Protein backbone atom coordinates (compact mmCIF):
# COMPACT_ATOMS: atom_id res chain seq x y z
CA UNK A 1 88.73 105.00 125.13
CA UNK A 2 90.68 106.62 122.71
CA UNK A 3 88.93 109.12 120.32
CA UNK A 4 89.12 108.06 116.71
CA UNK A 5 88.38 109.38 113.45
CA UNK A 6 85.44 107.51 111.05
CA UNK A 7 88.20 106.21 108.75
CA UNK A 8 90.28 105.02 111.90
CA UNK A 9 87.27 103.32 113.55
CA UNK A 10 86.70 101.48 110.13
CA UNK A 11 89.94 100.41 110.00
CA UNK A 12 89.97 99.05 113.68
CA UNK A 13 86.61 97.27 112.66
CA UNK A 14 88.08 95.54 109.69
CA UNK A 15 91.22 94.52 111.91
CA UNK A 16 88.65 92.70 114.46
CA UNK A 17 86.86 91.22 111.50
CA UNK A 18 90.39 89.76 110.38
CA UNK A 19 91.43 88.72 113.71
CA UNK A 20 88.16 86.74 114.10
CA UNK A 21 88.93 84.99 110.89
CA UNK A 22 92.35 84.12 111.55
CA UNK A 23 91.65 83.22 115.10
CA UNK A 24 89.08 80.58 113.72
CA UNK A 25 91.54 79.11 111.23
CA UNK A 26 94.20 78.77 113.82
CA UNK A 27 91.82 76.99 115.80
CA UNK A 28 90.71 74.71 113.17
CA UNK A 29 94.28 73.80 112.21
CA UNK A 30 94.56 73.27 116.27
CA UNK A 31 97.44 75.80 116.20
CA UNK A 32 95.97 78.09 119.09
CA UNK A 33 93.32 77.20 121.27
CA UNK A 34 91.79 80.09 123.67
CA UNK A 35 90.06 79.17 126.75
CA UNK A 36 86.20 79.83 127.22
CA UNK A 37 86.85 82.48 129.28
CA UNK A 38 89.42 84.17 127.18
CA UNK A 39 87.07 84.04 124.01
CA UNK A 40 84.35 85.52 126.12
CA UNK A 41 86.56 88.32 127.24
CA UNK A 42 87.96 89.18 123.88
CA UNK A 43 84.47 88.78 122.40
CA UNK A 44 82.82 91.24 124.95
CA UNK A 45 85.60 93.58 124.12
CA UNK A 46 85.26 93.35 120.63
CA UNK A 47 81.52 93.87 120.96
CA UNK A 48 81.70 96.69 122.89
CA UNK A 49 84.23 98.47 120.75
CA UNK A 50 82.17 97.78 117.66
CA UNK A 51 79.00 99.04 119.49
CA UNK A 52 80.73 102.44 120.38
CA UNK A 53 81.96 102.51 116.87
CA UNK A 54 78.54 101.96 115.10
CA UNK A 55 76.82 104.41 117.45
CA UNK A 56 79.44 107.24 116.95
CA UNK A 57 80.50 106.81 113.41
CA UNK A 58 77.89 104.37 111.90
CA UNK A 59 80.64 102.49 110.16
CA UNK A 60 80.33 99.04 108.50
CA UNK A 61 80.99 96.18 110.71
CA UNK A 62 80.07 93.32 108.31
CA UNK A 63 80.84 92.44 104.47
CA UNK A 64 77.11 92.89 103.77
CA UNK A 65 76.88 96.43 105.42
CA UNK A 66 80.11 97.31 103.20
CA UNK A 67 78.50 96.36 99.96
CA UNK A 68 75.35 98.29 100.95
CA UNK A 69 77.27 101.24 102.00
CA UNK A 70 79.03 101.12 98.50
CA UNK A 71 75.63 101.02 96.73
CA UNK A 72 74.69 104.09 98.71
CA UNK A 73 77.64 105.88 97.77
CA UNK A 74 77.02 105.42 94.02
CA UNK A 75 73.26 106.23 94.69
CA UNK A 76 74.35 109.53 96.14
CA UNK A 77 76.79 110.30 93.66
CA UNK A 78 74.49 109.75 90.87
CA UNK A 79 71.62 111.52 92.70
CA UNK A 80 73.76 114.49 93.36
CA UNK A 81 74.75 114.70 89.57
CA UNK A 82 71.34 114.16 88.36
CA UNK A 83 69.88 116.76 90.69
CA UNK A 84 72.60 119.41 89.89
CA UNK A 85 71.84 118.80 86.23
CA UNK A 86 68.19 118.97 86.53
CA UNK A 87 68.80 122.51 88.56
CA UNK A 88 70.95 123.63 85.51
CA UNK A 89 68.40 122.67 82.98
CA UNK A 90 65.54 124.21 85.02
CA UNK A 91 67.13 127.45 85.26
CA UNK A 92 67.84 127.57 81.36
CA UNK A 93 64.30 126.28 80.73
CA UNK A 94 62.39 128.95 82.25
CA UNK A 95 65.38 131.59 82.98
CA UNK A 96 64.27 134.13 80.09
CA UNK A 97 60.70 134.54 81.71
CA UNK A 98 62.04 135.87 84.95
CA UNK A 99 62.67 139.49 85.67
CA UNK A 100 66.45 140.44 86.25
CA UNK A 101 66.03 141.07 89.77
CA UNK A 102 64.04 137.61 90.51
CA UNK A 103 67.11 135.94 88.69
CA UNK A 104 69.63 137.71 90.90
CA UNK A 105 67.56 136.72 93.87
CA UNK A 106 67.36 133.05 92.72
CA UNK A 107 71.04 133.07 91.92
CA UNK A 108 72.11 134.38 95.47
CA UNK A 109 69.43 132.51 97.53
CA UNK A 110 70.09 129.13 95.80
CA UNK A 111 73.53 128.34 97.07
CA UNK A 112 72.97 129.95 100.61
CA UNK A 113 70.03 127.80 101.11
CA UNK A 114 71.56 124.58 99.88
CA UNK A 115 75.03 125.48 102.17
CA UNK A 116 72.65 125.81 105.27
CA UNK A 117 70.96 122.73 104.72
CA UNK A 118 74.19 120.92 103.96
CA UNK A 119 75.67 122.11 107.33
CA UNK A 120 72.48 121.54 109.20
CA UNK A 121 72.14 117.88 107.70
CA UNK A 122 76.07 117.24 108.12
CA UNK A 123 75.46 118.01 112.06
CA UNK A 124 72.58 115.27 112.26
CA UNK A 125 73.30 112.58 109.99
CA UNK A 126 75.79 110.08 111.15
CA UNK A 127 76.19 108.48 107.75
CA UNK A 128 77.05 111.64 105.82
CA UNK A 129 75.39 110.18 102.52
CA UNK A 130 72.70 113.04 102.43
CA UNK A 131 74.98 115.69 103.44
CA UNK A 132 77.25 114.74 100.90
CA UNK A 133 74.74 114.83 98.29
CA UNK A 134 73.68 118.24 99.36
CA UNK A 135 77.35 119.51 99.37
CA UNK A 136 77.41 118.39 95.70
CA UNK A 137 74.42 120.48 94.58
CA UNK A 138 75.49 123.38 96.60
CA UNK A 139 78.95 123.21 94.91
CA UNK A 140 77.10 123.17 91.34
CA UNK A 141 74.51 125.99 92.40
CA UNK A 142 77.29 128.17 93.19
CA UNK A 143 79.40 127.58 90.22
CA UNK A 144 75.96 128.36 88.39
CA UNK A 145 75.73 131.38 90.23
CA UNK A 146 78.99 133.07 89.60
CA UNK A 147 78.69 131.75 85.69
CA UNK A 148 75.07 132.98 85.31
CA UNK A 149 75.74 136.38 87.31
CA UNK A 150 78.56 136.91 84.83
CA UNK A 151 76.32 136.72 81.88
CA UNK A 152 73.63 138.92 83.13
CA UNK A 153 76.25 141.96 83.79
CA UNK A 154 78.62 140.87 81.05
CA UNK A 155 81.57 140.54 83.18
CA UNK A 156 84.93 139.71 81.49
CA UNK A 157 85.82 136.01 82.10
CA UNK A 158 88.41 135.78 84.74
CA UNK A 159 90.38 133.05 86.27
CA UNK A 160 89.53 134.43 89.78
CA UNK A 161 86.08 132.61 89.52
CA UNK A 162 88.25 129.70 90.33
CA UNK A 163 89.48 130.59 93.48
CA UNK A 164 85.93 131.32 95.24
CA UNK A 165 84.77 127.84 93.40
CA UNK A 166 87.66 126.03 94.84
CA UNK A 167 87.49 127.70 98.18
CA UNK A 168 83.67 126.27 98.53
CA UNK A 169 84.79 123.09 97.38
CA UNK A 170 87.57 122.68 99.78
CA UNK A 171 85.22 124.08 102.51
CA UNK A 172 82.65 121.54 101.75
CA UNK A 173 84.95 118.70 101.13
CA UNK A 174 86.37 118.92 104.78
CA UNK A 175 83.33 119.53 106.06
CA UNK A 176 81.46 116.61 104.86
CA UNK A 177 84.44 114.42 103.87
CA UNK A 178 83.51 114.27 100.15
CA UNK A 179 86.42 113.27 97.98
CA UNK A 180 84.98 114.14 94.68
CA UNK A 181 84.50 117.97 96.11
CA UNK A 182 88.29 117.71 97.34
CA UNK A 183 89.29 116.68 93.49
CA UNK A 184 86.94 119.60 92.40
CA UNK A 185 88.72 121.99 94.49
CA UNK A 186 92.19 120.84 93.53
CA UNK A 187 91.43 121.18 90.00
CA UNK A 188 90.09 124.59 90.46
CA UNK A 189 93.02 126.03 92.57
CA UNK A 190 95.46 124.23 90.21
CA UNK A 191 93.97 125.86 87.45
CA UNK A 192 94.28 129.01 89.02
CA UNK A 193 98.09 128.85 89.77
CA UNK A 194 98.74 127.38 86.17
CA UNK A 195 96.85 130.42 84.53
CA UNK A 196 98.93 133.04 86.69
CA UNK A 197 102.03 131.12 85.56
CA UNK A 198 100.80 131.59 82.21
CA UNK A 199 99.99 135.22 82.80
CA UNK A 200 103.33 135.82 84.14
CA UNK A 201 105.01 134.53 81.02
CA UNK A 202 103.04 136.85 78.85
CA UNK A 203 99.98 134.59 77.69
CA UNK A 204 96.22 135.32 78.12
CA UNK A 205 94.70 133.22 81.15
CA UNK A 206 92.29 131.09 78.98
CA UNK A 207 95.38 130.15 77.07
CA UNK A 208 97.43 128.50 79.82
CA UNK A 209 96.62 125.03 78.98
CA UNK A 210 98.65 125.69 75.59
CA UNK A 211 101.76 125.76 77.71
CA UNK A 212 101.97 122.34 79.74
CA UNK A 213 105.11 123.47 81.78
CA UNK A 214 102.45 125.74 83.68
CA UNK A 215 101.21 122.70 85.72
CA UNK A 216 104.66 121.48 86.65
CA UNK A 217 104.93 123.80 89.74
CA UNK A 218 101.01 122.74 90.73
CA UNK A 219 102.49 119.15 90.39
CA UNK A 220 105.24 119.82 93.11
CA UNK A 221 102.88 121.63 95.55
CA UNK A 222 100.21 119.09 95.25
CA UNK A 223 102.55 115.89 95.91
CA UNK A 224 104.39 117.48 98.84
CA UNK A 225 101.32 118.88 100.52
CA UNK A 226 100.16 115.73 102.20
CA UNK A 227 103.77 115.08 103.50
CA UNK A 228 103.62 118.74 104.96
CA UNK A 229 100.06 118.84 106.32
CA UNK A 230 99.20 115.17 107.82
CA UNK A 231 95.47 114.64 107.42
CA UNK A 232 94.80 112.43 110.72
CA UNK A 233 91.09 112.81 110.15
CA UNK A 234 91.09 112.73 106.42
CA UNK A 235 93.79 109.72 105.58
CA UNK A 236 91.89 109.22 102.21
CA UNK A 237 92.55 113.02 101.14
CA UNK A 238 96.30 112.33 101.22
CA UNK A 239 95.85 110.03 98.35
CA UNK A 240 94.03 112.40 96.30
CA UNK A 241 96.60 115.14 96.64
CA UNK A 242 99.28 112.54 95.77
CA UNK A 243 97.60 110.99 92.72
CA UNK A 244 96.64 114.45 91.47
CA UNK A 245 100.05 115.74 91.68
CA UNK A 246 101.49 112.66 89.84
CA UNK A 247 98.91 113.41 87.14
CA UNK A 248 99.51 116.72 86.75
CA UNK A 249 103.20 116.07 86.42
CA UNK A 250 103.10 113.19 84.21
CA UNK A 251 100.47 114.25 81.63
CA UNK A 252 102.43 117.48 80.73
CA UNK A 253 105.80 115.56 80.64
CA UNK A 254 104.04 112.97 78.13
CA UNK A 255 102.66 115.96 75.89
CA UNK A 256 106.06 117.54 75.78
CA UNK A 257 107.69 114.53 75.15
CA UNK A 258 106.02 114.83 71.82
CA UNK A 259 105.13 118.40 71.13
CA UNK A 260 108.21 120.04 71.92
CA UNK A 261 107.26 123.25 69.98
CA UNK A 262 104.92 124.06 72.80
CA UNK A 263 107.60 124.42 75.33
CA UNK A 264 109.01 127.56 77.15
CA UNK A 265 112.54 126.22 76.20
CA UNK A 266 114.13 128.08 73.40
CA UNK A 267 116.18 125.01 72.05
CA UNK A 268 115.40 122.50 69.25
CA UNK A 269 112.10 120.63 69.46
CA UNK A 270 113.78 117.48 69.03
CA UNK A 271 115.92 118.04 72.12
CA UNK A 272 113.01 119.27 74.23
CA UNK A 273 111.27 116.06 73.40
CA UNK A 274 114.07 113.79 74.08
CA UNK A 275 114.65 115.50 77.43
CA UNK A 276 111.24 115.12 78.52
CA UNK A 277 110.89 111.50 77.42
CA UNK A 278 114.24 111.07 79.79
CA UNK A 279 112.31 112.91 82.54
CA UNK A 280 109.30 110.52 82.08
CA UNK A 281 111.31 107.35 82.23
CA UNK A 282 113.56 108.73 85.10
CA UNK A 283 110.69 110.25 87.09
CA UNK A 284 108.38 107.29 87.05
CA UNK A 285 111.35 105.07 88.01
CA UNK A 286 112.48 107.23 90.88
CA UNK A 287 108.82 107.64 91.86
CA UNK A 288 108.18 103.80 91.89
CA UNK A 289 111.28 103.58 94.22
CA UNK A 290 109.85 106.06 96.48
CA UNK A 291 106.63 104.78 96.70
CA UNK A 292 108.31 101.25 97.54
CA UNK A 293 110.24 102.81 100.28
CA UNK A 294 107.49 104.65 101.90
CA UNK A 295 104.77 102.06 101.39
CA UNK A 296 102.75 104.33 99.33
CA UNK A 297 100.70 102.17 97.03
CA UNK A 298 99.10 104.80 95.09
CA UNK A 299 102.37 106.33 94.16
CA UNK A 300 103.80 103.11 93.26
CA UNK A 301 100.56 102.42 90.85
CA UNK A 302 100.43 105.74 89.35
CA UNK A 303 104.10 105.68 88.43
CA UNK A 304 104.07 102.35 87.13
CA UNK A 305 101.20 103.00 84.89
CA UNK A 306 102.97 106.10 83.25
CA UNK A 307 106.24 103.98 82.73
CA UNK A 308 104.40 101.52 81.15
CA UNK A 309 102.85 104.20 79.04
CA UNK A 310 106.13 106.08 78.29
CA UNK A 311 107.76 102.47 77.35
CA UNK A 312 104.81 101.54 75.09
CA UNK A 313 104.55 104.99 73.09
CA UNK A 314 108.58 104.80 72.58
CA UNK A 315 108.23 101.31 71.38
CA UNK A 316 105.53 102.41 68.88
CA UNK A 317 107.63 105.21 67.66
CA UNK A 318 110.69 103.07 67.32
CA UNK A 319 109.13 99.96 65.67
CA UNK A 320 105.51 100.37 64.42
CA UNK A 321 106.39 101.90 60.97
CA UNK A 322 108.83 99.36 59.82
CA UNK A 323 108.45 96.05 61.49
CA UNK A 324 105.79 93.41 60.41
CA UNK A 325 102.55 93.99 62.78
CA UNK A 326 102.75 90.37 64.21
CA UNK A 327 106.48 90.92 65.19
CA UNK A 328 105.53 94.11 66.85
CA UNK A 329 102.81 92.66 69.03
CA UNK A 330 104.95 89.77 69.80
CA UNK A 331 107.42 92.17 70.80
CA UNK A 332 104.92 94.01 72.87
CA UNK A 333 104.03 90.83 74.75
CA UNK A 334 107.45 89.95 75.62
CA UNK A 335 108.07 93.35 76.98
CA UNK A 336 104.89 92.98 79.24
CA UNK A 337 106.45 89.38 80.35
CA UNK A 338 109.52 91.01 80.98
CA UNK A 339 107.86 93.81 83.10
CA UNK A 340 105.88 91.16 84.99
CA UNK A 341 109.33 89.35 85.79
CA UNK A 342 110.91 92.61 86.97
CA UNK A 343 107.93 93.58 89.28
CA UNK A 344 107.86 89.93 90.77
CA UNK A 345 111.63 90.57 91.47
CA UNK A 346 110.78 93.67 93.17
CA UNK A 347 108.02 92.31 95.05
CA UNK A 348 110.15 89.50 96.24
CA UNK A 349 112.53 91.98 97.77
CA UNK A 350 109.90 94.05 99.41
CA UNK A 351 108.86 90.91 101.28
CA UNK A 352 112.11 90.41 102.31
CA UNK A 353 112.51 93.81 103.90
CA UNK A 354 109.29 93.24 105.42
CA UNK A 355 107.29 95.89 103.23
CA UNK A 356 104.00 95.45 101.51
CA UNK A 357 103.34 97.06 98.23
CA UNK A 358 100.40 95.88 96.16
CA UNK A 359 101.38 95.35 92.31
């Protein structure tokens, strides 16, 4: 039997469930009738396959199990968040009563102990919920470790702390399949790269956010990464990379389309704003087309969202001040209807070419 990842096994289990539903519908409509031997053979094969997947990966093989797993993921996240906050406030509640040596020992031992516990549990727990919870607490302890040690020794803040935080976040994300930690790692490493770009341009690293263009190279790298490095075992991670890449591109472009004065470009502010408005419209339209062609729903939906944001912000700029409010909102409604017609047309063209893109 071919070895699969947990995500591939879950996808195959979903396909089996859909197949059984469709087969029943075909039989009810008297379109297809399998013999008793054929049905028994298919059923036995599916049961064997699902048993293997369930025993190896502990996947959800029914809608009820999926609902329970969703609740468990929420509970795991809330539990990790609550425990991390509890650790933080516990430290600060009694921190001043401890000696410096004891404080340093706790700061060093806590993340190491949590990391060992995370790795131990991840090797023995099939579901991964407790491992993910421990991984989030480990990351929180490590962030607290660097932050508090810096305060104890009065170390000058540096963006290099984000490198070690990001490295641990990526390690835990890929070890325990934690998407939240992958997002944390992306933010940390993206922040470091943006800060370095800001430093190279002459600003203090903490002020790198004052120049939105510092984030644009990070956006290109994040978006391109899943196309260069394929995640066969972590296919959901590719979506996170692409979405964060798009957010890192569109948000700075949106800001610069209204505050051209904070750009690196030494030209007229109005020209800068107009240029970035064009980039926003053209970029979102191009990415919608790219996502449709490649069948990437996340790209289509994210680019579509920002296309609408760019459109409505310009509508507000053009007509809000002088147009009667009832007429303004009527126009907004008509534009929404027009967008629906356009995307319905695109959806029809997509179906005609045999592609599937969620609107």
